[in-house]
Protein backbone atom coordinates (compact mmCIF):
# COMPACT_ATOMS: atom_id res chain seq x y z
CA MET A 1 23.17 104.05 107.36
CA SER A 2 25.01 101.00 106.24
CA THR A 3 27.96 100.77 103.92
CA PRO A 4 27.20 98.87 100.72
CA LEU A 5 29.08 95.65 100.18
CA PRO A 6 31.70 95.73 97.45
CA ASP A 7 30.62 94.05 94.25
CA ALA A 8 32.67 91.46 92.43
CA ALA A 9 33.87 94.02 89.87
CA SER A 10 35.53 96.28 92.46
CA PRO A 11 39.27 95.76 92.96
CA ARG A 12 40.38 94.02 96.12
CA PRO A 13 42.70 95.96 98.41
CA GLU A 14 46.30 94.84 98.50
CA GLU A 15 47.40 92.57 101.29
CA LEU A 16 49.10 94.45 104.12
CA ARG A 17 52.85 94.09 104.31
CA PRO A 18 55.34 95.27 106.95
CA LEU A 19 56.90 98.67 106.40
CA PRO A 20 60.31 98.52 104.70
CA TYR A 21 61.91 100.25 107.70
CA ASP A 22 62.33 98.77 111.17
CA GLY A 23 62.44 102.09 113.07
CA VAL A 24 65.16 101.11 115.54
CA ARG A 25 67.40 104.07 114.72
CA SER A 26 64.57 106.60 114.92
CA VAL A 27 63.36 105.33 118.29
CA ALA A 28 66.93 105.15 119.63
CA VAL A 29 67.64 108.76 118.60
CA GLY A 30 64.38 109.98 120.14
CA THR A 31 65.15 108.13 123.37
CA VAL A 32 68.61 109.70 123.57
CA VAL A 33 67.12 113.16 122.95
CA TRP A 34 64.71 112.69 125.88
CA LEU A 35 67.59 111.51 128.09
CA VAL A 36 69.71 114.53 127.15
CA ALA A 37 66.77 116.85 127.87
CA LEU A 38 66.33 115.21 131.28
CA LEU A 39 70.02 115.49 132.14
CA VAL A 40 70.18 119.12 131.02
CA MET A 41 67.19 120.08 133.17
CA LEU A 42 68.23 118.30 136.37
CA PRO A 43 70.66 121.03 137.52
CA PHE A 44 67.83 123.57 137.15
CA THR A 45 65.33 121.70 139.31
CA ASP A 46 64.99 124.56 141.84
CA ASP A 47 64.46 127.17 139.11
CA LEU A 48 61.88 124.98 137.37
CA ARG A 49 60.09 124.42 140.67
CA ALA A 50 60.03 128.17 141.37
CA ASP A 51 58.56 128.87 137.92
CA GLY A 52 55.95 126.12 138.22
CA ARG A 53 57.56 124.07 135.47
CA LEU A 54 58.83 121.09 137.41
CA TRP A 55 56.58 118.95 135.22
CA TRP A 56 59.13 119.44 132.41
CA ILE A 57 61.49 117.06 134.22
CA ALA A 58 58.71 114.50 134.61
CA THR A 59 57.86 114.83 130.93
CA ALA A 60 61.47 114.17 129.92
CA ALA A 61 61.68 111.20 132.30
CA VAL A 62 58.47 109.68 130.93
CA GLY A 63 59.63 110.34 127.36
CA PHE A 64 62.87 108.50 128.10
CA GLY A 65 61.03 105.60 129.73
CA LEU A 66 58.57 105.27 126.86
CA GLY A 67 61.50 105.48 124.46
CA LEU A 68 63.12 102.50 126.19
CA LEU A 69 59.85 100.58 125.90
CA GLY A 70 59.55 101.54 122.23
CA LEU A 71 63.14 100.48 121.62
CA TRP A 72 62.38 97.08 123.08
CA VAL A 73 59.34 96.76 120.77
CA VAL A 74 61.12 97.75 117.54
CA VAL A 75 64.17 95.58 118.27
CA ARG A 76 61.85 92.59 118.78
CA ARG A 77 60.08 93.43 115.51
CA ARG A 78 63.40 93.63 113.66
CA ARG A 79 64.43 90.24 115.03
CA ARG A 80 61.13 88.68 113.93
CA LEU A 81 61.48 90.14 110.44
CA ARG A 82 65.03 88.84 110.13
CA ALA A 83 63.98 85.40 111.40
CA ALA A 84 61.20 85.33 108.80
CA GLY A 85 63.78 85.76 106.08
CA GLU A 86 63.03 89.31 105.02
CA PRO A 87 65.73 90.77 102.77
CA PRO A 88 68.26 92.95 104.64
CA GLY A 89 67.22 96.09 102.76
CA ALA A 90 63.55 95.50 103.61
CA ALA A 91 64.09 95.53 107.36
């Protein structure tokens, strides 16, 4: 089955624009939450190992690491938007 081509009378989709929010604060808060979870669990490493839940520490560590990577990405995006002259409220 093939999708029919749009005819000339059909409306064209709007051009994609960046979201009006840069996401830096959200990613930063999430990263801090993963770090806090990691730090809270570290003293209980032996108990987590005994219960077979040592992977919780690894999950928190990976969440923190991915949060740092995500923070780097959204900060770069915010800088590009500001350099392009986006209004302050839009980024």
